[in-house]
Protein backbone atom coordinates (compact mmCIF):
# COMPACT_ATOMS: atom_id res chain seq x y z
CA MET A 1 25.06 -3.13 3.10
CA ASP A 2 22.38 -0.77 0.71
CA PRO A 3 19.19 -2.54 -0.51
CA VAL A 4 19.40 -3.22 -4.16
CA GLY A 5 16.76 -1.75 -6.38
CA PRO A 6 15.26 1.87 -6.66
CA PRO A 7 15.90 4.16 -3.51
CA LEU A 8 12.78 4.58 -1.06
CA ARG A 9 11.23 7.86 -0.45
CA THR A 10 9.60 8.40 2.71
CA PRO A 11 5.67 9.78 2.94
CA LEU A 12 7.22 13.56 3.33
CA PHE A 13 9.58 13.35 0.08
CA ASP A 14 7.38 15.91 -1.66
CA ARG A 15 7.15 18.26 1.52
CA HIS A 16 11.56 18.39 1.34
CA VAL A 17 11.56 19.06 -2.63
CA ALA A 18 9.38 21.96 -1.84
CA ALA A 19 11.30 23.20 1.06
CA GLY A 20 14.21 23.29 -1.05
CA ALA A 21 15.97 20.30 0.63
CA ARG A 22 19.11 18.99 -1.28
CA VAL A 23 17.97 15.12 -1.38
CA VAL A 24 21.00 12.54 -1.36
CA PRO A 25 21.09 8.71 -1.54
CA PHE A 26 20.92 7.15 2.31
CA ALA A 27 21.16 3.48 3.27
CA GLY A 28 18.81 2.97 0.04
CA TRP A 29 16.59 5.82 0.46
CA GLU A 30 16.29 9.49 -0.89
CA MET A 31 16.78 11.52 2.05
CA PRO A 32 17.17 15.39 2.79
CA VAL A 33 20.67 16.35 3.89
CA GLN A 34 20.43 19.87 4.42
CA TYR A 35 17.60 22.57 3.95
CA THR A 36 18.87 26.32 4.32
CA GLY A 37 22.15 25.00 5.68
CA VAL A 38 23.84 22.66 8.33
CA LEU A 39 24.93 25.68 10.51
CA GLU A 40 21.73 27.27 10.56
CA GLU A 41 19.68 24.21 11.20
CA HIS A 42 22.27 22.95 13.89
CA ARG A 43 21.70 26.15 15.94
CA THR A 44 17.83 26.29 15.40
CA VAL A 45 18.18 22.83 17.00
CA ARG A 46 20.28 24.22 19.97
CA THR A 47 18.26 26.97 20.41
CA ALA A 48 14.48 26.43 19.06
CA VAL A 49 12.70 23.59 17.27
CA GLY A 50 13.76 21.60 14.41
CA VAL A 51 12.17 18.30 12.98
CA PHE A 52 14.07 15.53 11.19
CA ASP A 53 12.30 13.10 9.28
CA VAL A 54 13.71 9.79 10.31
CA SER A 55 11.25 7.63 8.58
CA HIS A 56 13.79 5.45 6.99
CA MET A 57 14.68 4.08 9.98
CA GLY A 58 13.45 0.65 10.59
CA GLU A 59 10.80 -0.95 13.45
CA VAL A 60 10.35 -4.57 14.74
CA GLU A 61 7.92 -5.34 16.80
CA THR A 62 8.42 -8.70 19.43
CA THR A 63 4.93 -9.81 21.31
CA GLY A 64 4.07 -13.05 23.25
CA PRO A 65 4.58 -14.55 26.33
CA GLY A 66 8.12 -14.84 25.48
CA ALA A 67 9.08 -11.56 24.09
CA ALA A 68 10.54 -10.35 27.18
CA ASP A 69 13.01 -13.83 27.75
CA PHE A 70 13.84 -13.46 23.96
CA LEU A 71 15.13 -9.74 24.06
CA GLN A 72 17.15 -10.37 27.37
CA ARG A 73 18.91 -13.13 25.03
CA VAL A 74 19.51 -10.98 21.63
CA LEU A 75 19.76 -7.40 23.34
CA SER A 76 22.86 -6.33 25.71
CA ASN A 77 21.29 -4.48 28.21
CA ASP A 78 18.84 -5.75 30.81
CA VAL A 79 15.40 -5.94 29.23
CA SER A 80 13.95 -7.10 32.66
CA LYS A 81 14.65 -3.98 34.36
CA MET A 82 11.94 -1.92 31.31
CA ALA A 83 9.22 -0.82 32.89
CA LEU A 84 5.82 -0.50 30.94
CA GLY A 85 6.08 2.71 28.98
CA GLY A 86 9.99 2.35 28.93
CA ALA A 87 12.64 2.90 26.79
CA GLN A 88 15.82 1.13 26.54
CA TYR A 89 19.14 1.88 24.35
CA SER A 90 21.07 -1.43 24.06
CA LEU A 91 23.49 -3.51 21.21
CA LEU A 92 22.67 -6.24 19.02
CA CYS A 93 25.80 -8.60 19.10
CA ARG A 94 27.76 -11.33 17.47
CA GLU A 95 28.75 -14.47 19.43
CA ASP A 96 32.27 -12.80 19.15
CA GLY A 97 30.90 -9.30 20.63
CA GLY A 98 31.03 -7.71 17.33
CA VAL A 99 28.56 -5.00 17.23
CA LEU A 100 25.55 -5.88 14.57
CA ASP A 101 23.46 -2.45 15.24
CA ASP A 102 22.67 -0.18 18.14
CA LEU A 103 19.05 0.10 18.86
CA PHE A 104 16.16 1.54 20.84
CA THR A 105 13.55 -0.19 22.12
CA TYR A 106 10.44 0.39 23.79
CA ARG A 107 8.22 -1.66 25.83
CA LEU A 108 4.54 -1.11 25.06
CA GLY A 109 2.53 -3.75 26.93
CA PRO A 110 3.01 -6.59 28.96
CA GLU A 111 3.91 -8.88 26.06
CA ARG A 112 4.67 -6.29 23.31
CA TYR A 113 7.97 -4.47 22.67
CA LEU A 114 9.09 -2.07 19.59
CA THR A 115 12.64 -1.78 18.37
CA VAL A 116 14.09 0.73 16.27
CA THR A 117 17.13 0.09 14.05
CA ASN A 118 19.21 1.96 11.81
CA ALA A 119 18.05 2.02 8.27
CA ALA A 120 21.09 0.26 6.77
CA ASN A 121 20.81 -2.63 9.25
CA HIS A 122 17.28 -3.42 9.12
CA ALA A 123 16.71 -6.26 6.77
CA LYS A 124 20.28 -7.68 8.38
CA ASP A 125 18.86 -7.18 12.11
CA LEU A 126 15.35 -8.40 11.28
CA GLY A 127 16.94 -11.60 9.95
CA TRP A 128 19.05 -11.84 13.30
CA LEU A 129 16.25 -11.46 15.51
CA GLN A 130 14.04 -14.10 13.48
CA GLN A 131 16.77 -16.68 13.38
CA HIS A 132 17.09 -16.18 17.09
CA ALA A 133 13.47 -16.40 17.96
CA ASP A 134 13.40 -20.12 17.53
CA GLY A 135 12.47 -21.64 20.93
CA PHE A 136 10.64 -18.81 22.16
CA ASP A 137 7.35 -18.38 22.60
CA CYS A 138 7.00 -14.79 20.67
CA THR A 139 6.46 -13.56 17.52
CA VAL A 140 9.07 -11.28 15.89
CA THR A 141 7.36 -8.89 12.90
CA ASP A 142 8.69 -6.12 10.60
CA ARG A 143 6.72 -3.29 11.28
CA ALA A 144 9.12 -0.84 9.26
CA GLY A 145 6.48 0.02 6.57
CA ASP A 146 3.84 1.01 9.32
CA PHE A 147 5.30 3.92 10.40
CA ALA A 148 6.70 7.19 9.56
CA MET A 149 8.88 8.64 12.24
CA LEU A 150 9.61 12.51 12.91
CA ALA A 151 12.61 13.88 15.63
CA VAL A 152 11.25 16.79 17.16
CA GLN A 153 14.49 18.04 18.97
CA GLY A 154 15.30 21.28 20.50
CA PRO A 155 14.41 23.09 23.75
CA LEU A 156 11.02 24.52 22.48
CA ALA A 157 10.06 21.01 21.18
CA ARG A 158 8.15 19.32 23.95
CA GLU A 159 6.09 22.47 23.88
CA THR A 160 5.47 22.89 20.22
CA VAL A 161 4.50 19.18 20.36
CA GLN A 162 2.42 19.79 23.95
CA ALA A 163 0.41 22.24 22.25
CA MET A 164 -0.90 19.57 19.36
CA ALA A 165 -1.54 16.38 21.91
CA ASP A 166 -4.47 15.44 23.54
CA LYS A 167 -2.82 14.98 27.38
CA PRO A 168 0.65 15.69 28.95
CA LEU A 169 3.35 14.02 26.92
CA PRO A 170 5.59 10.88 28.23
CA GLY A 171 8.79 12.02 29.90
CA LYS A 172 12.40 11.11 29.04
CA PHE A 173 12.78 7.67 27.91
CA THR A 174 9.21 6.36 28.29
CA ALA A 175 6.89 5.81 25.54
CA GLU A 176 2.79 6.46 25.10
CA PRO A 177 0.38 6.90 22.51
CA ARG A 178 -1.05 10.05 22.58
CA THR A 179 -3.43 11.90 19.81
CA ILE A 180 -1.76 14.39 17.86
CA ARG A 181 -4.28 16.33 15.57
CA GLY A 182 -6.88 13.73 15.77
CA HIS A 183 -4.06 11.18 14.96
CA GLU A 184 -2.92 8.11 16.88
CA VAL A 185 0.78 8.87 17.68
CA LEU A 186 3.53 6.92 19.67
CA VAL A 187 5.24 9.67 21.40
CA CYS A 188 8.68 8.68 22.63
CA GLY A 189 10.67 10.40 25.12
CA THR A 190 13.88 9.88 23.02
CA GLY A 191 16.59 11.29 20.47
CA TYR A 192 19.81 11.78 19.42
CA THR A 193 20.57 15.04 19.01
CA GLY A 194 21.61 16.41 22.96
CA GLU A 195 18.90 18.17 23.20
CA ASP A 196 15.33 17.68 24.92
CA GLY A 197 12.67 16.54 22.63
CA VAL A 198 10.58 13.76 21.20
CA GLU A 199 10.28 11.15 18.66
CA LEU A 200 6.72 10.60 16.91
CA LEU A 201 6.29 7.15 15.58
CA ILE A 202 3.15 7.94 12.89
CA ARG A 203 0.67 5.95 10.51
CA PRO A 204 2.68 6.99 7.21
CA GLU A 205 -0.84 8.60 5.61
CA ASP A 206 -0.58 11.18 8.96
CA ALA A 207 2.48 12.19 8.37
CA VAL A 208 2.24 15.07 6.29
CA ASN A 209 -0.33 16.64 8.50
CA VAL A 210 1.45 16.11 11.61
CA TRP A 211 4.63 17.89 9.49
CA ASP A 212 2.67 20.44 8.19
CA GLU A 213 1.32 21.54 12.00
CA LEU A 214 4.37 21.53 13.02
CA MET A 215 5.94 23.78 10.49
CA ARG A 216 3.12 25.91 11.12
CA ARG A 217 3.94 26.21 15.19
CA GLY A 218 7.47 27.44 13.91
CA ALA A 219 9.63 24.51 13.98
CA ALA A 220 12.04 24.23 11.03
CA PRO A 221 12.73 21.50 9.24
CA ALA A 222 16.57 19.84 9.79
CA GLY A 223 18.43 17.30 7.84
CA LEU A 224 20.90 14.50 8.05
CA ALA A 225 23.54 16.74 7.95
CA ALA A 226 22.69 18.40 11.04
CA ARG A 227 21.56 15.45 12.90
CA ASP A 228 25.21 14.25 12.21
CA THR A 229 27.10 17.47 13.62
CA LEU A 230 24.32 17.46 16.63
CA ARG A 231 25.18 13.68 17.73
CA LEU A 232 29.04 13.93 17.61
CA GLU A 233 28.99 16.85 19.54
CA VAL A 234 27.32 14.91 22.29
CA CYS A 235 29.52 11.92 21.37
CA PHE A 236 26.70 9.78 20.51
CA HIS A 237 27.69 6.65 18.45
CA LEU A 238 27.00 6.39 14.72
CA TYR A 239 26.50 2.99 13.16
CA GLY A 240 28.82 2.31 9.98
CA ASN A 241 31.35 5.10 11.77
CA ASP A 242 31.85 4.30 15.25
CA LEU A 243 30.13 1.08 15.43
CA MET A 244 30.78 -2.01 13.55
CA GLU A 245 31.06 -5.68 13.41
CA SER A 246 34.91 -5.79 13.83
CA ARG A 247 34.69 -3.66 17.01
CA GLY A 248 32.90 -4.59 20.53
CA PRO A 249 30.90 -2.39 23.01
CA ILE A 250 33.73 -2.08 25.48
CA GLU A 251 36.18 -0.47 22.94
CA ALA A 252 33.26 1.74 22.09
CA GLY A 253 32.95 3.00 25.55
CA LEU A 254 29.18 1.27 25.40
CA GLY A 255 29.99 -0.66 28.71
CA TRP A 256 27.24 0.81 30.44
CA ALA A 257 24.75 -0.74 28.14
CA CYS A 258 25.93 -4.35 28.44
CA LYS A 259 24.69 -6.63 31.23
CA GLU A 260 26.45 -9.60 30.78
CA ASP A 261 24.97 -11.28 33.39
CA THR A 262 21.64 -11.69 31.68
CA GLY A 263 23.90 -13.89 28.88
CA PHE A 264 22.92 -12.38 25.76
CA ILE A 265 24.82 -13.51 22.70
CA GLY A 266 28.28 -12.17 22.58
CA SER A 267 27.92 -11.39 26.59
CA GLU A 268 30.92 -14.05 27.36
CA ALA A 269 33.27 -11.96 24.59
CA VAL A 270 32.21 -8.65 25.96
CA ARG A 271 33.02 -10.02 29.22
CA ALA A 272 36.41 -11.07 28.45
CA THR A 273 37.31 -7.79 27.28
CA ARG A 274 35.59 -5.93 30.10
CA GLU A 275 38.00 -8.00 32.34
CA ALA A 276 41.41 -8.23 30.28
CA GLY A 277 40.81 -4.31 29.17
CA PRO A 278 40.30 -3.16 25.56
CA ALA A 279 43.26 -3.06 23.42
CA GLU A 280 41.87 0.24 21.95
CA LYS A 281 39.22 2.85 23.05
CA LEU A 282 37.36 5.17 21.20
CA VAL A 283 37.60 8.68 22.37
CA PRO A 284 36.37 12.21 21.56
CA PHE A 285 38.75 14.63 20.20
CA VAL A 286 39.29 18.18 19.53
CA MET A 287 41.54 19.49 16.92
CA THR A 288 43.83 22.17 18.33
CA ALA A 289 45.47 23.98 15.73
CA GLY A 290 42.83 24.20 12.77
CA GLY A 291 41.64 21.62 10.30
CA LEU A 292 39.10 19.14 9.82
CA ALA A 293 39.95 15.46 10.39
CA ARG A 294 37.38 12.72 8.73
CA GLN A 295 36.38 9.42 9.00
CA GLY A 296 39.17 7.13 7.72
CA ASN A 297 41.96 9.73 8.91
CA PRO A 298 44.87 7.67 10.51
CA VAL A 299 45.84 8.86 13.67
CA VAL A 300 49.85 8.40 13.72
CA GLY A 301 50.98 5.96 16.12
CA GLY A 302 48.10 3.69 15.43
CA GLY A 303 44.18 4.14 15.35
CA GLU A 304 41.76 5.96 12.94
CA VAL A 305 38.97 8.48 12.78
CA THR A 306 35.84 7.26 12.85
CA SER A 307 33.64 10.38 12.76
CA GLY A 308 34.71 14.00 12.26
CA THR A 309 33.45 17.17 11.25
CA MET A 310 33.33 21.02 12.23
CA GLY A 311 31.32 21.47 15.61
CA PRO A 312 28.91 24.35 14.82
CA SER A 313 28.62 25.18 18.56
CA LEU A 314 31.91 24.80 19.63
CA GLY A 315 33.61 26.78 16.47
CA VAL A 316 36.35 24.27 16.09
CA GLY A 317 36.93 20.65 14.37
CA ILE A 318 35.85 17.93 16.34
CA GLY A 319 35.65 14.07 16.22
CA MET A 320 35.84 10.51 17.40
CA ALA A 321 38.56 7.93 17.02
CA TYR A 322 39.81 4.54 18.08
CA VAL A 323 43.24 4.89 19.63
CA PRO A 324 45.65 2.63 21.66
CA ALA A 325 44.06 2.02 25.25
CA GLU A 326 47.23 3.52 26.42
CA ARG A 327 46.58 7.07 24.17
CA ALA A 328 42.84 7.04 25.49
CA ALA A 329 43.15 9.57 28.38
CA PRO A 330 41.57 12.71 28.39
CA GLY A 331 44.51 15.53 27.66
CA THR A 332 46.56 13.01 25.66
CA PRO A 333 47.91 15.13 22.38
CA LEU A 334 47.05 13.08 19.21
CA GLU A 335 48.83 13.85 15.42
CA ILE A 336 45.93 12.94 12.92
CA ASP A 337 47.05 12.46 9.28
CA VAL A 338 44.69 14.47 7.06
CA ARG A 339 45.72 13.91 3.36
CA GLY A 340 49.52 13.60 3.85
CA LYS A 341 49.34 16.66 6.52
CA GLN A 342 49.76 16.12 10.56
CA ARG A 343 47.20 17.86 12.16
CA PRO A 344 47.56 18.22 16.06
CA ALA A 345 44.39 17.32 18.32
CA GLU A 346 43.97 16.49 21.90
CA VAL A 347 41.55 13.74 23.43
CA HIS A 348 38.86 15.45 25.26
CA THR A 349 36.14 14.13 27.99
CA LYS A 350 32.18 13.17 26.74
CA PRO A 351 30.52 15.28 25.97
CA LEU A 352 32.50 17.93 23.81
CA TYR A 353 29.42 20.23 23.99
CA THR A 354 27.58 21.08 26.68
CA LYS A 355 25.08 24.22 27.82
CA GLU A 356 27.88 25.92 29.64
CA ASN A 357 30.71 25.42 27.03
CA ALA A 358 29.08 26.73 24.17
């Protein structure tokens, strides 16, 4: 549910307006959906370097001797496997296995973790975490107001940021502080585009300076629309589309991020679904005779599209859909009802886009 009240703005709002961005309401924020156009921004990230303002994302810090035990209880992945400076993807689940959110957590110290939440879910996630922290020797703190966040993505992303940093950047799925343009920044080797790059967690008052320097060095601004096409080409999930409380991780193909033996909340339900086999599965598909499918379009014979768009790198309509498990094998033909017209599609393997098939 979107927050009630006037929309929020990131510290970079004026920069987006000056760059000609089309700004739209998103999860209670006014966010840039595109600048020069989705296709151009998408291709820039695939071939060079684009920068996304994702300061609307939330952050929650967990500290204390019991922080690891607490996070092991609420997160689906095995927190004990996270080394100092490590990053880990996981899910926040209800007791029945329904997905409350998908998250990245960074271990910043022996007893200090930072978890990044999806913007629309931040208040819900924070309340859930604080509620379940009782009995653990840890403190759960809302840090959403303490960070701006930039996702610098593309083949030239690392070298662009490296030229601004005081020492070598951390590798993939690690996170370490660096000094960038004189500002202390948490540099995270993560992203959600299928390209190499980093995400920068910055004090809000420093964000404009770092953004301006990235632009000066040839990076291009990219909006939420390109972020969506990029993530969908590599079959990364979007909460509210492909993930939801009414479905679990196994149906969504995220069993790899669930370690039931840790006893996380919802682990028994997830284990039962894994052992019995899910009734439906989330599959990637490609349209085989033109047309585009969109979220909510029914799949003839059972199922529904959760995400759909034109894949700019592929030149064809793509998407993801929940379908009956017996129709989830790659190569299975589908018919999708697009505004009353049945459009043919085919189940494919993940990811839909690779450098080799572009």
